[in-house]
């Protein structure tokens, strides 16, 4: 069977919620103060021999697509790139103007990945995580690489 990519379907919802809880500490994501729940998101799953090994979730509003989450469960297989290609292709197919995302100031691997794949840094929202913690108190004070988790960073590709 190999590695394949497919759109999310309703039967994936429990798995997606479980992954959100494992990777994001709850069954929802906060981005720019907006709550995103799996049941309201579209996206793609990467499978290897029937096993889910990657997930990208998106939210489309007006003429823009937000990449809400991207998770690769097996490193070094190009899963993140596969998911990003699917998301970008869908945005172009829908003739959207912009693909954008939010990451945090501590997520150095994400900042490197997105910039290598054509995204540009466009905005920094200082102390945005302080506001997000009011909604989602389980967001840690210290993030990856022992960096204080404070700011949201917006990246985009103009399509």
N, C-alpha and C. Protein backbone atom coordinates (compact mmCIF):
# COMPACT_ATOMS: atom_id res chain seq x y z
N UNK A 1 0.81 -1.21 0.00
CA UNK A 1 0.00 0.00 0.00
C UNK A 1 0.85 1.27 0.00
N UNK A 2 1.89 1.34 0.82
CA UNK A 2 2.76 2.51 0.85
C UNK A 2 2.13 3.69 1.57
N UNK A 3 2.67 4.87 1.28
CA UNK A 3 2.21 6.10 1.92
C UNK A 3 1.22 6.80 0.99
N UNK A 4 0.05 7.15 1.55
CA UNK A 4 -0.99 7.84 0.78
C UNK A 4 -1.53 9.01 1.60
N UNK A 5 -2.15 9.93 0.89
CA UNK A 5 -2.78 11.09 1.52
C UNK A 5 -4.25 11.10 1.14
N UNK A 6 -5.10 11.43 2.10
CA UNK A 6 -6.54 11.51 1.83
C UNK A 6 -7.15 12.63 2.66
N UNK A 7 -8.35 13.03 2.26
CA UNK A 7 -9.07 14.05 3.02
C UNK A 7 -9.62 13.43 4.31
N UNK A 8 -9.74 14.27 5.31
CA UNK A 8 -10.37 13.87 6.57
C UNK A 8 -11.82 13.51 6.31
N UNK A 9 -12.31 12.48 7.00
CA UNK A 9 -13.74 12.16 6.94
C UNK A 9 -14.28 12.03 8.37
N UNK A 10 -15.58 11.95 8.49
CA UNK A 10 -16.25 11.95 9.79
C UNK A 10 -15.72 10.83 10.70
N UNK A 11 -15.43 9.68 10.13
CA UNK A 11 -14.97 8.55 10.95
C UNK A 11 -13.58 8.79 11.55
N UNK A 12 -12.88 9.84 11.13
CA UNK A 12 -11.56 10.17 11.68
C UNK A 12 -11.65 11.04 12.93
N UNK A 13 -12.82 11.53 13.26
CA UNK A 13 -12.96 12.54 14.30
C UNK A 13 -12.41 12.09 15.65
N UNK A 14 -12.68 10.87 16.08
CA UNK A 14 -12.17 10.41 17.38
C UNK A 14 -10.66 10.38 17.39
N UNK A 15 -10.06 9.89 16.30
CA UNK A 15 -8.60 9.85 16.22
C UNK A 15 -8.02 11.27 16.26
N UNK A 16 -8.65 12.19 15.55
CA UNK A 16 -8.17 13.58 15.52
C UNK A 16 -8.27 14.21 16.90
N UNK A 17 -9.39 14.01 17.59
CA UNK A 17 -9.53 14.56 18.94
C UNK A 17 -8.46 14.00 19.87
N UNK A 18 -8.20 12.70 19.77
CA UNK A 18 -7.16 12.07 20.59
C UNK A 18 -5.80 12.67 20.30
N UNK A 19 -5.50 12.91 19.02
CA UNK A 19 -4.23 13.51 18.63
C UNK A 19 -4.12 14.95 19.14
N UNK A 20 -5.21 15.71 19.04
CA UNK A 20 -5.23 17.07 19.57
C UNK A 20 -4.89 17.06 21.07
N UNK A 21 -5.53 16.17 21.82
CA UNK A 21 -5.30 16.10 23.26
C UNK A 21 -3.84 15.74 23.54
N UNK A 22 -3.32 14.78 22.80
CA UNK A 22 -1.94 14.34 23.01
C UNK A 22 -0.94 15.44 22.66
N UNK A 23 -1.12 16.07 21.52
CA UNK A 23 -0.14 17.04 21.03
C UNK A 23 -0.40 18.48 21.42
N UNK A 24 -1.65 18.81 21.73
CA UNK A 24 -2.01 20.20 21.98
C UNK A 24 -2.70 20.42 23.33
N UNK A 25 -2.71 19.37 24.18
CA UNK A 25 -3.19 19.44 25.57
C UNK A 25 -4.70 19.64 25.74
N UNK A 26 -5.46 19.60 24.67
CA UNK A 26 -6.92 19.67 24.78
C UNK A 26 -7.52 19.32 23.42
N UNK A 27 -8.84 19.25 23.38
CA UNK A 27 -9.50 18.89 22.12
C UNK A 27 -9.83 20.11 21.26
N UNK A 28 -9.11 21.22 21.50
CA UNK A 28 -9.27 22.39 20.64
C UNK A 28 -7.95 23.15 20.56
N UNK A 29 -7.86 23.98 19.54
CA UNK A 29 -6.69 24.81 19.28
C UNK A 29 -7.13 26.27 19.35
N UNK A 30 -6.25 27.12 19.86
CA UNK A 30 -6.53 28.56 19.85
C UNK A 30 -5.53 29.22 18.89
N UNK A 31 -6.07 30.01 17.99
CA UNK A 31 -5.24 30.74 17.03
C UNK A 31 -5.81 32.14 16.89
N UNK A 32 -5.01 33.13 17.24
CA UNK A 32 -5.45 34.53 17.19
C UNK A 32 -6.75 34.72 17.97
N UNK A 33 -6.85 34.03 19.11
CA UNK A 33 -8.00 34.15 19.99
C UNK A 33 -9.22 33.36 19.57
N UNK A 34 -9.14 32.68 18.45
CA UNK A 34 -10.27 31.90 17.94
C UNK A 34 -10.10 30.43 18.33
N UNK A 35 -11.17 29.82 18.78
CA UNK A 35 -11.15 28.40 19.15
C UNK A 35 -11.48 27.57 17.92
N UNK A 36 -10.63 26.60 17.64
CA UNK A 36 -10.84 25.65 16.54
C UNK A 36 -11.02 24.26 17.11
N UNK A 37 -12.17 23.66 16.82
CA UNK A 37 -12.45 22.28 17.24
C UNK A 37 -12.39 21.37 16.02
N UNK A 38 -11.93 20.13 16.22
CA UNK A 38 -11.76 19.21 15.08
C UNK A 38 -13.01 19.04 14.22
N UNK A 39 -14.16 19.02 14.84
CA UNK A 39 -15.39 18.79 14.07
C UNK A 39 -15.73 19.93 13.11
N UNK A 40 -15.05 21.07 13.27
CA UNK A 40 -15.29 22.22 12.39
C UNK A 40 -14.17 22.46 11.38
N UNK A 41 -13.23 21.51 11.32
CA UNK A 41 -12.07 21.69 10.46
C UNK A 41 -12.05 20.67 9.33
N UNK A 42 -11.52 21.09 8.21
CA UNK A 42 -11.23 20.19 7.10
C UNK A 42 -9.76 19.82 7.19
N UNK A 43 -9.32 18.94 6.31
CA UNK A 43 -7.90 18.66 6.29
C UNK A 43 -7.55 17.36 5.61
N UNK A 44 -6.34 16.90 5.93
CA UNK A 44 -5.78 15.73 5.28
C UNK A 44 -5.09 14.83 6.29
N UNK A 45 -5.12 13.54 5.98
CA UNK A 45 -4.42 12.53 6.77
C UNK A 45 -3.45 11.81 5.85
N UNK A 46 -2.25 11.55 6.35
CA UNK A 46 -1.30 10.71 5.65
C UNK A 46 -1.34 9.34 6.32
N UNK A 47 -1.45 8.31 5.49
CA UNK A 47 -1.48 6.93 5.99
C UNK A 47 -0.31 6.15 5.41
N UNK A 48 0.19 5.22 6.21
CA UNK A 48 1.19 4.26 5.74
C UNK A 48 0.66 2.87 6.06
N UNK A 49 0.37 2.12 5.03
CA UNK A 49 -0.18 0.77 5.19
C UNK A 49 -1.38 0.75 6.13
N UNK A 50 -2.27 1.74 5.98
CA UNK A 50 -3.49 1.81 6.77
C UNK A 50 -3.36 2.48 8.12
N UNK A 51 -2.15 2.86 8.52
CA UNK A 51 -1.92 3.52 9.81
C UNK A 51 -1.80 5.03 9.59
N UNK A 52 -2.53 5.82 10.39
CA UNK A 52 -2.45 7.28 10.30
C UNK A 52 -1.10 7.74 10.85
N UNK A 53 -0.35 8.45 10.01
CA UNK A 53 0.97 8.92 10.44
C UNK A 53 1.14 10.43 10.27
N UNK A 54 0.10 11.12 9.85
CA UNK A 54 0.19 12.57 9.70
C UNK A 54 -1.19 13.20 9.59
N UNK A 55 -1.28 14.44 10.04
CA UNK A 55 -2.55 15.17 10.01
C UNK A 55 -2.28 16.64 9.76
N UNK A 56 -3.07 17.24 8.88
CA UNK A 56 -3.12 18.70 8.72
C UNK A 56 -4.58 19.10 8.80
N UNK A 57 -4.86 20.13 9.60
CA UNK A 57 -6.22 20.65 9.68
C UNK A 57 -6.22 22.09 9.19
N UNK A 58 -7.31 22.46 8.54
CA UNK A 58 -7.43 23.78 7.94
C UNK A 58 -8.79 24.39 8.25
N UNK A 59 -8.83 25.70 8.17
CA UNK A 59 -10.09 26.43 8.32
C UNK A 59 -10.13 27.48 7.21
N UNK A 60 -11.19 27.43 6.42
CA UNK A 60 -11.35 28.36 5.30
C UNK A 60 -12.40 29.40 5.66
N UNK A 61 -12.01 30.66 5.48
CA UNK A 61 -12.94 31.76 5.75
C UNK A 61 -12.67 32.85 4.72
N UNK A 62 -13.74 33.29 4.09
CA UNK A 62 -13.64 34.29 3.03
C UNK A 62 -12.70 33.77 1.94
N UNK A 63 -11.66 34.50 1.62
CA UNK A 63 -10.75 34.08 0.56
C UNK A 63 -9.40 33.63 1.12
N UNK A 64 -9.41 33.15 2.37
CA UNK A 64 -8.18 32.74 3.02
C UNK A 64 -8.32 31.36 3.65
N UNK A 65 -7.20 30.66 3.72
CA UNK A 65 -7.15 29.36 4.38
C UNK A 65 -6.13 29.44 5.50
N UNK A 66 -6.57 29.07 6.70
CA UNK A 66 -5.64 28.97 7.82
C UNK A 66 -5.22 27.52 7.98
N UNK A 67 -3.93 27.28 8.04
CA UNK A 67 -3.41 25.98 8.41
C UNK A 67 -3.39 25.95 9.93
N UNK A 68 -4.34 25.24 10.51
CA UNK A 68 -4.52 25.26 11.96
C UNK A 68 -3.50 24.35 12.65
N UNK A 69 -3.36 23.12 12.16
CA UNK A 69 -2.38 22.20 12.74
C UNK A 69 -1.72 21.40 11.62
N UNK A 70 -0.51 20.95 11.91
CA UNK A 70 0.17 20.00 11.05
C UNK A 70 1.01 19.13 11.97
N UNK A 71 0.80 17.83 11.88
CA UNK A 71 1.48 16.88 12.75
C UNK A 71 2.03 15.73 11.93
N UNK A 72 3.32 15.48 12.09
CA UNK A 72 3.96 14.32 11.48
C UNK A 72 4.29 13.35 12.61
N UNK A 73 3.75 12.14 12.53
CA UNK A 73 3.95 11.17 13.60
C UNK A 73 5.14 10.26 13.36
N UNK A 74 5.77 10.37 12.20
CA UNK A 74 6.99 9.63 11.89
C UNK A 74 7.94 10.59 11.20
N UNK A 75 9.02 10.89 11.86
CA UNK A 75 9.97 11.87 11.34
C UNK A 75 10.79 11.30 10.19
N UNK A 76 11.22 12.18 9.30
CA UNK A 76 12.14 11.81 8.24
C UNK A 76 11.53 11.14 7.03
N UNK A 77 10.20 11.14 6.92
CA UNK A 77 9.54 10.51 5.78
C UNK A 77 8.91 11.54 4.84
N UNK A 78 9.08 12.83 5.12
CA UNK A 78 8.51 13.86 4.28
C UNK A 78 7.02 14.06 4.48
N UNK A 79 6.51 13.63 5.62
CA UNK A 79 5.06 13.71 5.89
C UNK A 79 4.59 15.15 5.97
N UNK A 80 5.34 15.99 6.67
CA UNK A 80 4.96 17.40 6.77
C UNK A 80 4.89 18.05 5.41
N UNK A 81 5.86 17.76 4.58
CA UNK A 81 5.88 18.32 3.21
C UNK A 81 4.70 17.81 2.39
N UNK A 82 4.39 16.52 2.52
CA UNK A 82 3.23 15.95 1.80
C UNK A 82 1.95 16.68 2.21
N UNK A 83 1.78 16.87 3.51
CA UNK A 83 0.58 17.55 4.00
C UNK A 83 0.53 18.99 3.53
N UNK A 84 1.65 19.67 3.59
CA UNK A 84 1.70 21.06 3.14
C UNK A 84 1.39 21.17 1.65
N UNK A 85 1.87 20.23 0.86
CA UNK A 85 1.56 20.22 -0.57
C UNK A 85 0.07 20.05 -0.81
N UNK A 86 -0.57 19.15 -0.07
CA UNK A 86 -2.02 18.94 -0.21
C UNK A 86 -2.80 20.20 0.16
N UNK A 87 -2.42 20.80 1.26
CA UNK A 87 -3.10 22.02 1.73
C UNK A 87 -2.93 23.14 0.70
N UNK A 88 -1.72 23.34 0.22
CA UNK A 88 -1.45 24.40 -0.76
C UNK A 88 -2.22 24.14 -2.05
N UNK A 89 -2.23 22.89 -2.49
CA UNK A 89 -2.98 22.55 -3.71
C UNK A 89 -4.46 22.85 -3.56
N UNK A 90 -5.03 22.50 -2.42
CA UNK A 90 -6.45 22.77 -2.19
C UNK A 90 -6.72 24.28 -2.17
N UNK A 91 -5.85 25.04 -1.53
CA UNK A 91 -6.03 26.50 -1.50
C UNK A 91 -6.01 27.08 -2.90
N UNK A 92 -5.09 26.59 -3.72
CA UNK A 92 -5.02 27.08 -5.11
C UNK A 92 -6.22 26.62 -5.92
N UNK A 93 -6.64 25.37 -5.70
CA UNK A 93 -7.82 24.84 -6.41
C UNK A 93 -9.06 25.68 -6.10
N UNK A 94 -9.18 26.12 -4.84
CA UNK A 94 -10.32 26.93 -4.43
C UNK A 94 -10.13 28.41 -4.77
N UNK A 95 -8.99 28.73 -5.41
CA UNK A 95 -8.68 30.09 -5.83
C UNK A 95 -8.68 31.08 -4.65
N UNK A 96 -8.13 30.63 -3.52
CA UNK A 96 -8.01 31.49 -2.36
C UNK A 96 -6.82 32.42 -2.55
N UNK A 97 -6.85 33.54 -1.85
CA UNK A 97 -5.79 34.53 -2.02
C UNK A 97 -4.60 34.29 -1.12
N UNK A 98 -4.85 33.64 0.04
CA UNK A 98 -3.78 33.55 1.03
C UNK A 98 -3.90 32.27 1.84
N UNK A 99 -2.76 31.66 2.11
CA UNK A 99 -2.63 30.54 3.04
C UNK A 99 -1.79 31.06 4.20
N UNK A 100 -2.30 30.93 5.43
CA UNK A 100 -1.58 31.49 6.56
C UNK A 100 -1.65 30.55 7.75
N UNK A 101 -0.80 30.83 8.72
CA UNK A 101 -0.78 30.02 9.93
C UNK A 101 -0.21 30.84 11.07
N UNK A 102 -0.43 30.32 12.26
CA UNK A 102 0.14 30.89 13.48
C UNK A 102 1.01 29.82 14.12
N UNK A 103 2.19 30.21 14.54
CA UNK A 103 3.00 29.37 15.40
C UNK A 103 3.46 30.23 16.56
N UNK A 104 4.22 29.64 17.45
CA UNK A 104 4.63 30.36 18.64
C UNK A 104 6.14 30.65 18.60
N UNK A 105 6.55 31.60 19.39
CA UNK A 105 7.94 32.05 19.38
C UNK A 105 8.94 30.95 19.75
N UNK A 106 8.52 29.92 20.43
CA UNK A 106 9.43 28.84 20.84
C UNK A 106 9.60 27.76 19.79
N UNK A 107 8.74 27.74 18.77
CA UNK A 107 8.69 26.63 17.83
C UNK A 107 9.68 26.85 16.68
N UNK A 108 10.95 26.71 16.99
CA UNK A 108 12.01 26.99 16.03
C UNK A 108 11.97 26.03 14.85
N UNK A 109 11.65 24.76 15.08
CA UNK A 109 11.57 23.80 13.97
C UNK A 109 10.47 24.18 13.00
N UNK A 110 9.33 24.63 13.52
CA UNK A 110 8.23 25.06 12.63
C UNK A 110 8.63 26.29 11.84
N UNK A 111 9.25 27.24 12.49
CA UNK A 111 9.67 28.46 11.78
C UNK A 111 10.63 28.12 10.65
N UNK A 112 11.54 27.21 10.89
CA UNK A 112 12.47 26.77 9.84
C UNK A 112 11.72 26.05 8.72
N UNK A 113 10.86 25.11 9.08
CA UNK A 113 10.11 24.31 8.10
C UNK A 113 9.27 25.21 7.19
N UNK A 114 8.50 26.09 7.78
CA UNK A 114 7.60 26.92 6.98
C UNK A 114 8.36 27.87 6.07
N UNK A 115 9.41 28.48 6.57
CA UNK A 115 10.17 29.40 5.73
C UNK A 115 10.87 28.66 4.59
N UNK A 116 11.36 27.46 4.84
CA UNK A 116 11.99 26.68 3.77
C UNK A 116 10.97 26.29 2.71
N UNK A 117 9.68 26.29 3.08
CA UNK A 117 8.62 25.89 2.16
C UNK A 117 7.80 27.06 1.65
N UNK A 118 8.40 28.26 1.63
CA UNK A 118 7.78 29.38 0.94
C UNK A 118 6.99 30.35 1.78
N UNK A 119 6.82 30.09 3.07
CA UNK A 119 6.08 31.02 3.93
C UNK A 119 6.98 32.18 4.33
N UNK A 120 6.35 33.33 4.53
CA UNK A 120 7.05 34.52 5.00
C UNK A 120 6.47 34.95 6.33
N UNK A 121 7.33 35.42 7.22
CA UNK A 121 6.87 35.99 8.48
C UNK A 121 6.23 37.33 8.19
N UNK A 122 5.01 37.52 8.68
CA UNK A 122 4.33 38.78 8.38
C UNK A 122 3.92 39.57 9.62
N UNK A 123 3.71 38.89 10.75
CA UNK A 123 3.31 39.62 11.96
C UNK A 123 3.77 38.86 13.19
N UNK A 124 4.07 39.64 14.21
CA UNK A 124 4.32 39.08 15.54
C UNK A 124 3.29 39.69 16.46
N UNK A 125 2.66 38.85 17.26
CA UNK A 125 1.66 39.30 18.22
C UNK A 125 2.24 39.12 19.62
N UNK A 126 2.90 40.17 20.13
CA UNK A 126 3.55 40.05 21.44
C UNK A 126 2.54 39.71 22.54
N UNK A 127 2.93 38.78 23.38
CA UNK A 127 2.16 38.35 24.55
C UNK A 127 0.78 37.78 24.23
N UNK A 128 0.56 37.35 22.99
CA UNK A 128 -0.74 36.78 22.62
C UNK A 128 -1.04 35.51 23.40
N UNK A 129 -0.01 34.78 23.79
CA UNK A 129 -0.23 33.53 24.53
C UNK A 129 -0.80 33.81 25.92
N UNK A 130 -0.50 34.96 26.49
CA UNK A 130 -1.08 35.34 27.78
C UNK A 130 -2.60 35.36 27.66
N UNK A 131 -3.12 35.93 26.57
CA UNK A 131 -4.57 35.96 26.34
C UNK A 131 -5.11 34.55 26.09
N UNK A 132 -4.38 33.76 25.32
CA UNK A 132 -4.82 32.39 25.03
C UNK A 132 -4.92 31.55 26.30
N UNK A 133 -4.01 31.78 27.25
CA UNK A 133 -4.05 31.02 28.51
C UNK A 133 -5.31 31.30 29.31
N UNK A 134 -5.96 32.44 29.08
CA UNK A 134 -7.22 32.73 29.77
C UNK A 134 -8.31 31.77 29.32
N UNK A 135 -8.21 31.30 28.07
CA UNK A 135 -9.17 30.35 27.51
C UNK A 135 -8.68 28.92 27.72
N UNK A 136 -7.38 28.73 27.61
CA UNK A 136 -6.76 27.40 27.67
C UNK A 136 -5.60 27.45 28.66
N UNK A 137 -5.90 27.33 29.96
CA UNK A 137 -4.86 27.50 30.98
C UNK A 137 -3.75 26.43 30.95
N UNK A 138 -3.99 25.33 30.24
CA UNK A 138 -2.97 24.29 30.18
C UNK A 138 -1.81 24.61 29.24
N UNK A 139 -1.86 25.74 28.56
CA UNK A 139 -0.72 26.17 27.73
C UNK A 139 0.44 26.45 28.69
N UNK A 140 1.58 25.79 28.47
CA UNK A 140 2.69 25.95 29.41
C UNK A 140 3.35 27.33 29.34
N UNK A 141 4.02 27.70 30.41
CA UNK A 141 4.77 28.95 30.47
C UNK A 141 6.08 28.84 29.67
N UNK A 142 6.67 27.65 29.71
CA UNK A 142 7.93 27.40 29.00
C UNK A 142 7.64 26.42 27.87
N UNK A 143 8.10 26.77 26.67
CA UNK A 143 7.83 25.94 25.50
C UNK A 143 9.04 25.13 25.09
N UNK A 144 9.07 24.79 23.81
CA UNK A 144 10.17 24.02 23.25
C UNK A 144 11.48 24.77 23.45
N UNK A 145 12.55 24.01 23.53
CA UNK A 145 13.90 24.58 23.66
C UNK A 145 14.06 25.45 24.91
N UNK A 146 13.20 25.23 25.91
CA UNK A 146 13.23 25.98 27.17
C UNK A 146 13.07 27.49 26.96
N UNK A 147 12.31 27.85 25.93
CA UNK A 147 12.05 29.26 25.61
C UNK A 147 10.71 29.66 26.23
N UNK A 148 10.65 30.80 26.94
CA UNK A 148 9.36 31.26 27.46
C UNK A 148 8.35 31.40 26.32
N UNK A 149 7.18 30.83 26.51
CA UNK A 149 6.13 30.80 25.49
C UNK A 149 5.26 32.05 25.68
N UNK A 150 5.42 33.02 24.77
CA UNK A 150 4.75 34.31 24.92
C UNK A 150 4.00 34.78 23.69
N UNK A 151 4.64 34.66 22.51
CA UNK A 151 4.17 35.38 21.33
C UNK A 151 3.64 34.44 20.26
N UNK A 152 2.70 34.94 19.49
CA UNK A 152 2.25 34.25 18.28
C UNK A 152 2.95 34.91 17.09
N UNK A 153 3.31 34.07 16.12
CA UNK A 153 3.96 34.54 14.90
C UNK A 153 3.12 34.10 13.72
N UNK A 154 2.77 35.03 12.87
CA UNK A 154 1.96 34.73 11.68
C UNK A 154 2.87 34.63 10.45
N UNK A 155 2.66 33.56 9.71
CA UNK A 155 3.37 33.35 8.46
C UNK A 155 2.34 33.18 7.36
N UNK A 156 2.72 33.50 6.12
CA UNK A 156 1.77 33.39 5.02
C UNK A 156 2.46 33.08 3.70
N UNK A 157 1.65 32.57 2.80
CA UNK A 157 1.98 32.47 1.39
C UNK A 157 0.85 33.17 0.64
N UNK A 158 1.18 34.12 -0.20
CA UNK A 158 0.18 34.74 -1.06
C UNK A 158 0.07 33.84 -2.29
N UNK A 159 -1.15 33.40 -2.59
CA UNK A 159 -1.35 32.42 -3.67
C UNK A 159 -1.59 33.08 -5.01
